């Protein structure tokens, strides 16, 4: 399985609502047990990447575009998560190529990528 090898980003994690909740009298709230594992969304925040020759190959935007085109929204790949270790994920949303920066020598504006954990 291919590895997402673009390490220069920060990460947010978003857990889904996985329980049904009901409010009862007296402020009591009941929550049901989830029926399966959570499909966590990882939001990767990239501050800078370049279409031209970047300072480091792992910052090359065209390489990221090629990786996305190989996997699209359906093909899973490995993501080296800083807390969970290597996990299987897929793209949650289509890649949106950001606008370039004026006089940025191929640099693009900051952007996000969303990945979904594959249980």
PDB file of N, CA and C in Angstrom:
ATOM      1  N   UNK A   1       0.846  -1.166   0.000  1.00  0.00           N
ATOM      2  CA  UNK A   1       0.000   0.000   0.000  1.00  0.00           C
ATOM      3  C   UNK A   1       0.901   1.242   0.000  1.00  0.00           C
ATOM      4  N   UNK A   2       0.522   2.248  -0.757  1.00  0.00           N
ATOM      5  CA  UNK A   2       1.292   3.483  -0.849  1.00  0.00           C
ATOM      6  C   UNK A   2       1.265   4.237   0.480  1.00  0.00           C
ATOM      7  N   UNK A   3       2.299   5.023   0.724  1.00  0.00           N
ATOM      8  CA  UNK A   3       2.409   5.818   1.949  1.00  0.00           C
ATOM      9  C   UNK A   3       2.302   7.299   1.594  1.00  0.00           C
ATOM     10  N   UNK A   4       1.482   8.019   2.342  1.00  0.00           N
ATOM     11  CA  UNK A   4       1.338   9.473   2.193  1.00  0.00           C
ATOM     12  C   UNK A   4       2.591  10.098   2.795  1.00  0.00           C
ATOM     13  N   UNK A   5       3.529  10.498   1.935  1.00  0.00           N
ATOM     14  CA  UNK A   5       4.841  10.948   2.393  1.00  0.00           C
ATOM     15  C   UNK A   5       5.007  12.454   2.197  1.00  0.00           C
ATOM     16  N   UNK A   6       4.110  13.215   2.800  1.00  0.00           N
ATOM     17  CA  UNK A   6       4.147  14.676   2.766  1.00  0.00           C
ATOM     18  C   UNK A   6       4.070  15.151   4.222  1.00  0.00           C
ATOM     19  N   UNK A   7       5.190  15.096   4.952  1.00  0.00           N
ATOM     20  CA  UNK A   7       5.165  15.270   6.402  1.00  0.00           C
ATOM     21  C   UNK A   7       5.065  16.703   6.920  1.00  0.00           C
ATOM     22  N   UNK A   8       5.154  17.694   6.042  1.00  0.00           N
ATOM     23  CA  UNK A   8       5.215  19.080   6.520  1.00  0.00           C
ATOM     24  C   UNK A   8       3.826  19.690   6.647  1.00  0.00           C
ATOM     25  N   UNK A   9       3.111  19.239   7.660  1.00  0.00           N
ATOM     26  CA  UNK A   9       1.757  19.724   7.930  1.00  0.00           C
ATOM     27  C   UNK A   9       1.444  19.567   9.414  1.00  0.00           C
ATOM     28  N   UNK A  10       0.399  20.245   9.833  1.00  0.00           N
ATOM     29  CA  UNK A  10      -0.142  20.020  11.172  1.00  0.00           C
ATOM     30  C   UNK A  10      -1.441  19.253  10.989  1.00  0.00           C
ATOM     31  N   UNK A  11      -1.931  18.662  12.061  1.00  0.00           N
ATOM     32  CA  UNK A  11      -3.104  17.795  11.931  1.00  0.00           C
ATOM     33  C   UNK A  11      -4.157  18.130  12.984  1.00  0.00           C
ATOM     34  N   UNK A  12      -5.415  18.079  12.552  1.00  0.00           N
ATOM     35  CA  UNK A  12      -6.568  18.163  13.449  1.00  0.00           C
ATOM     36  C   UNK A  12      -7.294  16.831  13.333  1.00  0.00           C
ATOM     37  N   UNK A  13      -7.982  16.432  14.395  1.00  0.00           N
ATOM     38  CA  UNK A  13      -8.779  15.201  14.364  1.00  0.00           C
ATOM     39  C   UNK A  13     -10.216  15.546  14.695  1.00  0.00           C
ATOM     40  N   UNK A  14     -11.128  14.970  13.926  1.00  0.00           N
ATOM     41  CA  UNK A  14     -12.553  15.224  14.139  1.00  0.00           C
ATOM     42  C   UNK A  14     -13.273  13.884  14.274  1.00  0.00           C
ATOM     43  N   UNK A  15     -13.793  13.635  15.472  1.00  0.00           N
ATOM     44  CA  UNK A  15     -14.544  12.401  15.711  1.00  0.00           C
ATOM     45  C   UNK A  15     -16.003  12.607  15.299  1.00  0.00           C
ATOM     46  N   UNK A  16     -16.620  11.595  14.722  1.00  0.00           N
ATOM     47  CA  UNK A  16     -18.022  11.721  14.333  1.00  0.00           C
ATOM     48  C   UNK A  16     -18.948  11.543  15.538  1.00  0.00           C
ATOM     49  N   UNK A  17     -20.183  11.971  15.381  1.00  0.00           N
ATOM     50  CA  UNK A  17     -21.206  11.671  16.389  1.00  0.00           C
ATOM     51  C   UNK A  17     -21.532  10.197  16.204  1.00  0.00           C
ATOM     52  N   UNK A  18     -21.218   9.391  17.194  1.00  0.00           N
ATOM     53  CA  UNK A  18     -21.390   7.948  17.019  1.00  0.00           C
ATOM     54  C   UNK A  18     -22.406   7.343  17.980  1.00  0.00           C
ATOM     55  N   UNK A  19     -22.992   8.165  18.834  1.00  0.00           N
ATOM     56  CA  UNK A  19     -24.011   7.689  19.767  1.00  0.00           C
ATOM     57  C   UNK A  19     -25.292   8.477  19.558  1.00  0.00           C
ATOM     58  N   UNK A  20     -26.400   7.826  19.836  1.00  0.00           N
ATOM     59  CA  UNK A  20     -27.683   8.521  19.848  1.00  0.00           C
ATOM     60  C   UNK A  20     -27.917   8.996  21.274  1.00  0.00           C
ATOM     61  N   UNK A  21     -28.258  10.263  21.422  1.00  0.00           N
ATOM     62  CA  UNK A  21     -28.508  10.782  22.770  1.00  0.00           C
ATOM     63  C   UNK A  21     -29.969  11.179  22.917  1.00  0.00           C
ATOM     64  N   UNK A  22     -30.458  11.018  24.143  1.00  0.00           N
ATOM     65  CA  UNK A  22     -31.835  11.398  24.462  1.00  0.00           C
ATOM     66  C   UNK A  22     -31.829  12.095  25.805  1.00  0.00           C
ATOM     67  N   UNK A  23     -32.611  13.169  25.913  1.00  0.00           N
ATOM     68  CA  UNK A  23     -32.726  13.885  27.182  1.00  0.00           C
ATOM     69  C   UNK A  23     -33.969  13.406  27.921  1.00  0.00           C
ATOM     70  N   UNK A  24     -33.779  13.202  29.209  1.00  0.00           N
ATOM     71  CA  UNK A  24     -34.884  12.816  30.083  1.00  0.00           C
ATOM     72  C   UNK A  24     -35.114  13.936  31.091  1.00  0.00           C
ATOM     73  N   UNK A  25     -36.111  13.784  31.920  1.00  0.00           N
ATOM     74  CA  UNK A  25     -36.402  14.781  32.942  1.00  0.00           C
ATOM     75  C   UNK A  25     -35.268  14.915  33.948  1.00  0.00           C
ATOM     76  N   UNK A  26     -35.235  16.044  34.588  1.00  0.00           N
ATOM     77  CA  UNK A  26     -34.231  16.287  35.619  1.00  0.00           C
ATOM     78  C   UNK A  26     -32.836  16.520  35.060  1.00  0.00           C
ATOM     79  N   UNK A  27     -32.720  16.820  33.763  1.00  0.00           N
ATOM     80  CA  UNK A  27     -31.420  17.097  33.168  1.00  0.00           C
ATOM     81  C   UNK A  27     -30.615  15.857  32.834  1.00  0.00           C
ATOM     82  N   UNK A  28     -31.204  14.662  33.013  1.00  0.00           N
ATOM     83  CA  UNK A  28     -30.506  13.418  32.724  1.00  0.00           C
ATOM     84  C   UNK A  28     -30.449  13.201  31.217  1.00  0.00           C
ATOM     85  N   UNK A  29     -29.291  12.771  30.728  1.00  0.00           N
ATOM     86  CA  UNK A  29     -29.115  12.493  29.299  1.00  0.00           C
ATOM     87  C   UNK A  29     -28.596  11.076  29.125  1.00  0.00           C
ATOM     88  N   UNK A  30     -29.205  10.333  28.231  1.00  0.00           N
ATOM     89  CA  UNK A  30     -28.804   8.959  27.927  1.00  0.00           C
ATOM     90  C   UNK A  30     -28.071   8.956  26.593  1.00  0.00           C
ATOM     91  N   UNK A  31     -26.992   8.166  26.479  1.00  0.00           N
ATOM     92  CA  UNK A  31     -26.266   7.995  25.221  1.00  0.00           C
ATOM     93  C   UNK A  31     -26.125   6.506  24.946  1.00  0.00           C
ATOM     94  N   UNK A  32     -26.470   6.096  23.735  1.00  0.00           N
ATOM     95  CA  UNK A  32     -26.360   4.687  23.366  1.00  0.00           C
ATOM     96  C   UNK A  32     -24.930   4.341  22.976  1.00  0.00           C
ATOM     97  N   UNK A  33     -24.608   3.064  23.078  1.00  0.00           N
ATOM     98  CA  UNK A  33     -23.286   2.581  22.692  1.00  0.00           C
ATOM     99  C   UNK A  33     -23.188   2.615  21.164  1.00  0.00           C
ATOM    100  N   UNK A  34     -22.042   3.053  20.608  1.00  0.00           N
ATOM    101  CA  UNK A  34     -21.886   3.066  19.153  1.00  0.00           C
ATOM    102  C   UNK A  34     -21.992   1.655  18.574  1.00  0.00           C
ATOM    103  N   UNK A  35     -22.480   1.548  17.335  1.00  0.00           N
ATOM    104  CA  UNK A  35     -22.663   0.247  16.699  1.00  0.00           C
ATOM    105  C   UNK A  35     -21.405  -0.240  15.999  1.00  0.00           C
ATOM    106  N   UNK A  36     -20.403   0.619  15.863  1.00  0.00           N
ATOM    107  CA  UNK A  36     -19.160   0.229  15.205  1.00  0.00           C
ATOM    108  C   UNK A  36     -18.059   1.208  15.543  1.00  0.00           C
ATOM    109  N   UNK A  37     -16.887   1.008  14.957  1.00  0.00           N
ATOM    110  CA  UNK A  37     -15.771   1.915  15.234  1.00  0.00           C
ATOM    111  C   UNK A  37     -16.000   3.299  14.620  1.00  0.00           C
ATOM    112  N   UNK A  38     -15.393   4.295  15.227  1.00  0.00           N
ATOM    113  CA  UNK A  38     -15.495   5.658  14.703  1.00  0.00           C
ATOM    114  C   UNK A  38     -14.657   5.798  13.434  1.00  0.00           C
ATOM    115  N   UNK A  39     -15.205   6.504  12.466  1.00  0.00           N
ATOM    116  CA  UNK A  39     -14.440   6.827  11.262  1.00  0.00           C
ATOM    117  C   UNK A  39     -13.932   8.264  11.460  1.00  0.00           C
ATOM    118  N   UNK A  40     -12.757   8.370  12.037  1.00  0.00           N
ATOM    119  CA  UNK A  40     -12.172   9.662  12.394  1.00  0.00           C
ATOM    120  C   UNK A  40     -11.735  10.394  11.130  1.00  0.00           C
ATOM    121  N   UNK A  41     -11.981  11.704  11.122  1.00  0.00           N
ATOM    122  CA  UNK A  41     -11.521  12.548  10.012  1.00  0.00           C
ATOM    123  C   UNK A  41     -10.246  13.247  10.463  1.00  0.00           C
ATOM    124  N   UNK A  42      -9.198  13.149   9.639  1.00  0.00           N
ATOM    125  CA  UNK A  42      -7.947  13.849   9.883  1.00  0.00           C
ATOM    126  C   UNK A  42      -7.891  15.029   8.922  1.00  0.00           C
ATOM    127  N   UNK A  43      -7.699  16.220   9.454  1.00  0.00           N
ATOM    128  CA  UNK A  43      -7.613  17.423   8.635  1.00  0.00           C
ATOM    129  C   UNK A  43      -6.157  17.875   8.664  1.00  0.00           C
ATOM    130  N   UNK A  44      -5.500  17.788   7.509  1.00  0.00           N
ATOM    131  CA  UNK A  44      -4.096  18.144   7.398  1.00  0.00           C
ATOM    132  C   UNK A  44      -3.988  19.578   6.901  1.00  0.00           C
ATOM    133  N   UNK A  45      -3.225  20.398   7.606  1.00  0.00           N
ATOM    134  CA  UNK A  45      -3.046  21.809   7.264  1.00  0.00           C
ATOM    135  C   UNK A  45      -1.644  22.021   6.708  1.00  0.00           C
ATOM    136  N   UNK A  46      -1.567  22.379   5.445  1.00  0.00           N
ATOM    137  CA  UNK A  46      -0.292  22.640   4.782  1.00  0.00           C
ATOM    138  C   UNK A  46      -0.093  24.145   4.662  1.00  0.00           C
ATOM    139  N   UNK A  47       1.005  24.644   5.167  1.00  0.00           N
ATOM    140  CA  UNK A  47       1.307  26.077   5.104  1.00  0.00           C
ATOM    141  C   UNK A  47       1.932  26.469   3.771  1.00  0.00           C
ATOM    142  N   UNK A  48       2.733  25.577   3.181  1.00  0.00           N
ATOM    143  CA  UNK A  48       3.418  25.932   1.938  1.00  0.00           C
ATOM    144  C   UNK A  48       3.799  24.689   1.152  1.00  0.00           C
ATOM    145  N   UNK A  49       3.574  24.749  -0.146  1.00  0.00           N
ATOM    146  CA  UNK A  49       4.076  23.758  -1.097  1.00  0.00           C
ATOM    147  C   UNK A  49       4.376  24.513  -2.385  1.00  0.00           C
ATOM    148  N   UNK A  50       5.179  23.898  -3.245  1.00  0.00           N
ATOM    149  CA  UNK A  50       5.611  24.560  -4.475  1.00  0.00           C
ATOM    150  C   UNK A  50       5.366  23.677  -5.689  1.00  0.00           C
ATOM    151  N   UNK A  51       4.977  24.297  -6.815  1.00  0.00           N
ATOM    152  CA  UNK A  51       4.899  23.595  -8.088  1.00  0.00           C
ATOM    153  C   UNK A  51       6.255  23.564  -8.769  1.00  0.00           C
ATOM    154  N   UNK A  52       7.084  24.556  -8.520  1.00  0.00           N
ATOM    155  CA  UNK A  52       8.433  24.545  -9.068  1.00  0.00           C
ATOM    156  C   UNK A  52       9.316  23.726  -8.141  1.00  0.00           C
ATOM    157  N   UNK A  53      10.588  23.665  -8.431  1.00  0.00           N
ATOM    158  CA  UNK A  53      11.497  22.896  -7.605  1.00  0.00           C
ATOM    159  C   UNK A  53      11.531  23.490  -6.201  1.00  0.00           C
ATOM    160  N   UNK A  54      11.014  22.761  -5.212  1.00  0.00           N
ATOM    161  CA  UNK A  54      10.959  23.293  -3.851  1.00  0.00           C
ATOM    162  C   UNK A  54      12.267  23.055  -3.109  1.00  0.00           C
ATOM    163  N   UNK A  55      12.372  23.634  -1.917  1.00  0.00           N
ATOM    164  CA  UNK A  55      13.558  23.399  -1.103  1.00  0.00           C
ATOM    165  C   UNK A  55      13.711  21.920  -0.711  1.00  0.00           C
ATOM    166  N   UNK A  56      12.641  21.188  -0.721  1.00  0.00           N
ATOM    167  CA  UNK A  56      12.668  19.778  -0.336  1.00  0.00           C
ATOM    168  C   UNK A  56      11.654  19.029  -1.216  1.00  0.00           C
ATOM    169  N   UNK A  57      11.993  17.842  -1.737  1.00  0.00           N
ATOM    170  CA  UNK A  57      11.067  17.114  -2.637  1.00  0.00           C
ATOM    171  C   UNK A  57       9.699  16.810  -2.034  1.00  0.00           C
ATOM    172  N   UNK A  58       9.603  16.675  -0.712  1.00  0.00           N
ATOM    173  CA  UNK A  58       8.323  16.352  -0.074  1.00  0.00           C
ATOM    174  C   UNK A  58       7.412  17.573   0.020  1.00  0.00           C
ATOM    175  N   UNK A  59       7.855  18.704  -0.533  1.00  0.00           N
ATOM    176  CA  UNK A  59       7.050  19.924  -0.585  1.00  0.00           C
ATOM    177  C   UNK A  59       6.591  20.219  -2.010  1.00  0.00           C
ATOM    178  N   UNK A  60       6.716  19.238  -2.907  1.00  0.00           N
ATOM    179  CA  UNK A  60       6.371  19.440  -4.309  1.00  0.00           C
ATOM    180  C   UNK A  60       4.876  19.208  -4.521  1.00  0.00           C
ATOM    181  N   UNK A  61       4.162  20.242  -4.918  1.00  0.00           N
ATOM    182  CA  UNK A  61       2.706  20.176  -5.099  1.00  0.00           C
ATOM    183  C   UNK A  61       2.321  19.209  -6.211  1.00  0.00           C
ATOM    184  N   UNK A  62       3.112  19.145  -7.276  1.00  0.00           N
ATOM    185  CA  UNK A  62       2.777  18.231  -8.374  1.00  0.00           C
ATOM    186  C   UNK A  62       2.848  16.776  -7.910  1.00  0.00           C
ATOM    187  N   UNK A  63       3.785  16.471  -7.032  1.00  0.00           N
ATOM    188  CA  UNK A  63       3.881  15.111  -6.488  1.00  0.00           C
ATOM    189  C   UNK A  63       2.631  14.780  -5.676  1.00  0.00           C
ATOM    190  N   UNK A  64       2.125  15.745  -4.919  1.00  0.00           N
ATOM    191  CA  UNK A  64       0.888  15.547  -4.164  1.00  0.00           C
ATOM    192  C   UNK A  64      -0.302  15.365  -5.100  1.00  0.00           C
ATOM    193  N   UNK A  65      -0.369  16.151  -6.165  1.00  0.00           N
ATOM    194  CA  UNK A  65      -1.452  16.012  -7.155  1.00  0.00           C
ATOM    195  C   UNK A  65      -1.401  14.617  -7.774  1.00  0.00           C
ATOM    196  N   UNK A  66      -0.211  14.159  -8.138  1.00  0.00           N
ATOM    197  CA  UNK A  66      -0.062  12.816  -8.718  1.00  0.00           C
ATOM    198  C   UNK A  66      -0.520  11.747  -7.731  1.00  0.00           C
ATOM    199  N   UNK A  67      -0.176  11.906  -6.448  1.00  0.00           N
ATOM    200  CA  UNK A  67      -0.596  10.950  -5.419  1.00  0.00           C
ATOM    201  C   UNK A  67      -2.118  10.925  -5.328  1.00  0.00           C
ATOM    202  N   UNK A  68      -2.740  12.097  -5.318  1.00  0.00           N
ATOM    203  CA  UNK A  68      -4.201  12.163  -5.264  1.00  0.00           C
ATOM    204  C   UNK A  68      -4.815  11.476  -6.490  1.00  0.00           C
ATOM    205  N   UNK A  69      -4.295  11.756  -7.671  1.00  0.00           N
ATOM    206  CA  UNK A  69      -4.854  11.168  -8.893  1.00  0.00           C
ATOM    207  C   UNK A  69      -4.724   9.647  -8.907  1.00  0.00           C
ATOM    208  N   UNK A  70      -3.712   9.119  -8.244  1.00  0.00           N
ATOM    209  CA  UNK A  70      -3.550   7.661  -8.141  1.00  0.00           C
ATOM    210  C   UNK A  70      -4.569   7.037  -7.192  1.00  0.00           C
ATOM    211  N   UNK A  71      -5.071   7.803  -6.218  1.00  0.00           N
ATOM    212  CA  UNK A  71      -5.938   7.241  -5.174  1.00  0.00           C
ATOM    213  C   UNK A  71      -7.379   7.755  -5.186  1.00  0.00           C
ATOM    214  N   UNK A  72      -7.561   8.975  -5.656  1.00  0.00           N
ATOM    215  CA  UNK A  72      -8.889   9.623  -5.655  1.00  0.00           C
ATOM    216  C   UNK A  72      -9.579   9.431  -4.305  1.00  0.00           C
ATOM    217  N   UNK A  73     -10.888   9.265  -4.295  1.00  0.00           N
ATOM    218  CA  UNK A  73     -11.635   9.139  -3.033  1.00  0.00           C
ATOM    219  C   UNK A  73     -11.852   7.684  -2.609  1.00  0.00           C
ATOM    220  N   UNK A  74     -11.449   6.740  -3.454  1.00  0.00           N
ATOM    221  CA  UNK A  74     -11.811   5.346  -3.171  1.00  0.00           C
ATOM    222  C   UNK A  74     -10.645   4.444  -2.774  1.00  0.00           C
ATOM    223  N   UNK A  75      -9.421   4.779  -3.133  1.00  0.00           N
ATOM    224  CA  UNK A  75      -8.283   3.888  -2.915  1.00  0.00           C
ATOM    225  C   UNK A  75      -7.591   4.207  -1.579  1.00  0.00           C
ATOM    226  N   UNK A  76      -7.546   3.259  -0.645  1.00  0.00           N
ATOM    227  CA  UNK A  76      -6.891   3.528   0.639  1.00  0.00           C
ATOM    228  C   UNK A  76      -5.366   3.576   0.502  1.00  0.00           C
ATOM    229  N   UNK A  77      -4.735   4.232   1.466  1.00  0.00           N
ATOM    230  CA  UNK A  77      -3.273   4.320   1.522  1.00  0.00           C
ATOM    231  C   UNK A  77      -2.876   4.464   2.992  1.00  0.00           C
ATOM    232  N   UNK A  78      -1.597   4.313   3.273  1.00  0.00           N
ATOM    233  CA  UNK A  78      -1.104   4.413   4.643  1.00  0.00           C
ATOM    234  C   UNK A  78      -0.736   5.860   4.964  1.00  0.00           C
ATOM    235  N   UNK A  79      -1.106   6.271   6.164  1.00  0.00           N
ATOM    236  CA  UNK A  79      -0.773   7.613   6.647  1.00  0.00           C
ATOM    237  C   UNK A  79      -0.018   7.472   7.961  1.00  0.00           C
ATOM    238  N   UNK A  80       1.206   7.996   8.049  1.00  0.00           N
ATOM    239  CA  UNK A  80       1.962   7.931   9.302  1.00  0.00           C
ATOM    240  C   UNK A  80       1.468   8.986  10.296  1.00  0.00           C
ATOM    241  N   UNK A  81       0.502   8.604  11.120  1.00  0.00           N
ATOM    242  CA  UNK A  81      -0.118   9.510  12.084  1.00  0.00           C
ATOM    243  C   UNK A  81       0.842   9.717  13.262  1.00  0.00           C
ATOM    244  N   UNK A  82       1.022  10.963  13.709  1.00  0.00           N
ATOM    245  CA  UNK A  82       1.994  11.219  14.787  1.00  0.00           C
ATOM    246  C   UNK A  82       1.640  10.583  16.128  1.00  0.00           C
ATOM    247  N   UNK A  83       0.375  10.288  16.370  1.00  0.00           N
ATOM    248  CA  UNK A  83      -0.040   9.709  17.655  1.00  0.00           C
ATOM    249  C   UNK A  83      -0.441   8.242  17.531  1.00  0.00           C
ATOM    250  N   UNK A  84      -1.100   7.889  16.438  1.00  0.00           N
ATOM    251  CA  UNK A  84      -1.649   6.540  16.269  1.00  0.00           C
ATOM    252  C   UNK A  84      -0.725   5.586  15.522  1.00  0.00           C
ATOM    253  N   UNK A  85       0.363   6.098  14.977  1.00  0.00           N
ATOM    254  CA  UNK A  85       1.238   5.273  14.150  1.00  0.00           C
ATOM    255  C   UNK A  85       0.685   5.199  12.731  1.00  0.00           C
ATOM    256  N   UNK A  86       1.108   4.236  11.968  1.00  0.00           N
ATOM    257  CA  UNK A  86       0.641   4.105  10.590  1.00  0.00           C
ATOM    258  C   UNK A  86      -0.786   3.577  10.573  1.00  0.00           C
ATOM    259  N   UNK A  87      -1.680   4.332   9.918  1.00  0.00           N
ATOM    260  CA  UNK A  87      -3.084   3.946   9.816  1.00  0.00           C
ATOM    261  C   UNK A  87      -3.499   3.946   8.346  1.00  0.00           C
ATOM    262  N   UNK A  88      -4.524   3.168   8.045  1.00  0.00           N
ATOM    263  CA  UNK A  88      -5.072   3.118   6.690  1.00  0.00           C
ATOM    264  C   UNK A  88      -6.140   4.202   6.555  1.00  0.00           C
ATOM    265  N   UNK A  89      -6.022   5.023   5.514  1.00  0.00           N
ATOM    266  CA  UNK A  89      -6.943   6.132   5.286  1.00  0.00           C
ATOM    267  C   UNK A  89      -7.278   6.220   3.796  1.00  0.00           C
ATOM    268  N   UNK A  90      -8.235   7.102   3.489  1.00  0.00           N
ATOM    269  CA  UNK A  90      -8.504   7.483   2.105  1.00  0.00           C
ATOM    270  C   UNK A  90      -8.870   8.959   2.117  1.00  0.00           C
ATOM    271  N   UNK A  91      -8.815   9.604   0.944  1.00  0.00           N
ATOM    272  CA  UNK A  91      -9.196  11.008   0.869  1.00  0.00           C
ATOM    273  C   UNK A  91     -10.692  11.131   1.152  1.00  0.00           C
ATOM    274  N   UNK A  92     -11.060  12.103   1.997  1.00  0.00           N
ATOM    275  CA  UNK A  92     -12.464  12.329   2.354  1.00  0.00           C
ATOM    276  C   UNK A  92     -13.145  13.271   1.377  1.00  0.00           C
ATOM    277  N   UNK A  93     -12.386  14.181   0.794  1.00  0.00           N
ATOM    278  CA  UNK A  93     -12.914  15.155  -0.146  1.00  0.00           C
ATOM    279  C   UNK A  93     -11.943  15.275  -1.319  1.00  0.00           C
ATOM    280  N   UNK A  94     -12.430  15.723  -2.472  1.00  0.00           N
ATOM    281  CA  UNK A  94     -11.523  15.902  -3.603  1.00  0.00           C
ATOM    282  C   UNK A  94     -10.443  16.942  -3.294  1.00  0.00           C
ATOM    283  N   UNK A  95      -9.283  16.753  -3.877  1.00  0.00           N
ATOM    284  CA  UNK A  95      -8.185  17.699  -3.706  1.00  0.00           C
ATOM    285  C   UNK A  95      -8.536  19.012  -4.385  1.00  0.00           C
ATOM    286  N   UNK A  96      -8.330  20.099  -3.696  1.00  0.00           N
ATOM    287  CA  UNK A  96      -8.533  21.432  -4.258  1.00  0.00           C
ATOM    288  C   UNK A  96      -7.155  22.080  -4.345  1.00  0.00           C
ATOM    289  N   UNK A  97      -6.697  22.320  -5.561  1.00  0.00           N
ATOM    290  CA  UNK A  97      -5.376  22.913  -5.747  1.00  0.00           C
ATOM    291  C   UNK A  97      -5.476  24.406  -5.453  1.00  0.00           C
ATOM    292  N   UNK A  98      -4.691  24.885  -4.480  1.00  0.00           N
ATOM    293  CA  UNK A  98      -4.800  26.288  -4.091  1.00  0.00           C
ATOM    294  C   UNK A  98      -4.194  27.233  -5.122  1.00  0.00           C
ATOM    295  N   UNK A  99      -4.600  28.463  -5.013  1.00  0.00           N
ATOM    296  CA  UNK A  99      -4.092  29.540  -5.861  1.00  0.00           C
ATOM    297  C   UNK A  99      -2.609  29.759  -5.557  1.00  0.00           C
ATOM    298  N   UNK A 100      -1.875  30.160  -6.586  1.00  0.00           N
ATOM    299  CA  UNK A 100      -0.467  30.474  -6.394  1.00  0.00           C
ATOM    300  C   UNK A 100      -0.285  31.825  -5.719  1.00  0.00           C
ATOM    301  N   UNK A 101       0.890  32.029  -5.156  1.00  0.00           N
ATOM    302  CA  UNK A 101       1.236  33.296  -4.510  1.00  0.00           C
ATOM    303  C   UNK A 101       1.991  34.149  -5.523  1.00  0.00           C
ATOM    304  N   UNK A 102       1.608  35.417  -5.656  1.00  0.00           N
ATOM    305  CA  UNK A 102       2.305  36.324  -6.569  1.00  0.00           C
ATOM    306  C   UNK A 102       3.765  36.416  -6.174  1.00  0.00           C
ATOM    307  N   UNK A 103       4.623  36.285  -7.174  1.00  0.00           N
ATOM    308  CA  UNK A 103       6.084  36.330  -6.984  1.00  0.00           C
ATOM    309  C   UNK A 103       6.548  35.270  -5.984  1.00  0.00           C
ATOM    310  N   UNK A 104       5.795  34.189  -5.879  1.00  0.00           N
ATOM    311  CA  UNK A 104       6.131  33.125  -4.932  1.00  0.00           C
ATOM    312  C   UNK A 104       6.972  32.027  -5.545  1.00  0.00           C
ATOM    313  N   UNK A 105       7.361  32.189  -6.805  1.00  0.00           N
ATOM    314  CA  UNK A 105       8.202  31.197  -7.499  1.00  0.00           C
ATOM    315  C   UNK A 105       7.610  29.799  -7.431  1.00  0.00           C
ATOM    316  N   UNK A 106       6.303  29.705  -7.703  1.00  0.00           N
ATOM    317  CA  UNK A 106       5.632  28.411  -7.729  1.00  0.00           C
ATOM    318  C   UNK A 106       4.982  28.011  -6.418  1.00  0.00           C
ATOM    319  N   UNK A 107       5.123  28.825  -5.388  1.00  0.00           N
ATOM    320  CA  UNK A 107       4.514  28.506  -4.095  1.00  0.00           C
ATOM    321  C   UNK A 107       3.007  28.725  -4.163  1.00  0.00           C
ATOM    322  N   UNK A 108       2.256  27.854  -3.479  1.00  0.00           N
ATOM    323  CA  UNK A 108       0.801  27.993  -3.410  1.00  0.00           C
ATOM    324  C   UNK A 108       0.395  28.453  -2.018  1.00  0.00           C
ATOM    325  N   UNK A 109      -0.812  28.994  -1.932  1.00  0.00           N
ATOM    326  CA  UNK A 109      -1.337  29.457  -0.644  1.00  0.00           C
ATOM    327  C   UNK A 109      -1.615  28.263   0.269  1.00  0.00           C
ATOM    328  N   UNK A 110      -1.704  28.495   1.584  1.00  0.00           N
ATOM    329  CA  UNK A 110      -2.010  27.412   2.527  1.00  0.00           C
ATOM    330  C   UNK A 110      -3.320  26.706   2.166  1.00  0.00           C
ATOM    331  N   UNK A 111      -3.378  25.407   2.427  1.00  0.00           N
ATOM    332  CA  UNK A 111      -4.566  24.615   2.095  1.00  0.00           C
ATOM    333  C   UNK A 111      -4.711  23.448   3.061  1.00  0.00           C
ATOM    334  N   UNK A 112      -5.867  22.781   2.976  1.00  0.00           N
ATOM    335  CA  UNK A 112      -6.183  21.638   3.835  1.00  0.00           C
ATOM    336  C   UNK A 112      -6.512  20.425   2.988  1.00  0.00           C
ATOM    337  N   UNK A 113      -6.242  19.266   3.544  1.00  0.00           N
ATOM    338  CA  UNK A 113      -6.631  17.986   2.959  1.00  0.00           C
ATOM    339  C   UNK A 113      -7.345  17.204   4.051  1.00  0.00           C
ATOM    340  N   UNK A 114      -8.469  16.575   3.707  1.00  0.00           N
ATOM    341  CA  UNK A 114      -9.213  15.764   4.682  1.00  0.00           C
ATOM    342  C   UNK A 114      -9.067  14.287   4.338  1.00  0.00           C
ATOM    343  N   UNK A 115      -8.707  13.501   5.352  1.00  0.00           N
ATOM    344  CA  UNK A 115      -8.571  12.059   5.216  1.00  0.00           C
ATOM    345  C   UNK A 115      -9.537  11.369   6.167  1.00  0.00           C
ATOM    346  N   UNK A 116     -10.015  10.183   5.785  1.00  0.00           N
ATOM    347  CA  UNK A 116     -10.896   9.385   6.640  1.00  0.00           C
ATOM    348  C   UNK A 116     -10.197   8.095   7.050  1.00  0.00           C
ATOM    349  N   UNK A 117     -10.199   7.819   8.343  1.00  0.00           N
ATOM    350  CA  UNK A 117      -9.661   6.581   8.856  1.00  0.00           C
ATOM    351  C   UNK A 117     -10.483   5.417   8.321  1.00  0.00           C
ATOM    352  N   UNK A 118      -9.805   4.383   7.861  1.00  0.00           N
ATOM    353  CA  UNK A 118     -10.482   3.184   7.374  1.00  0.00           C
ATOM    354  C   UNK A 118     -10.389   2.098   8.437  1.00  0.00           C
ATOM    355  N   UNK A 119     -11.510   1.785   9.094  1.00  0.00           N
ATOM    356  CA  UNK A 119     -11.464   0.774  10.165  1.00  0.00           C
ATOM    357  C   UNK A 119     -11.178  -0.620   9.632  1.00  0.00           C
TER     358      UNK A 119
END
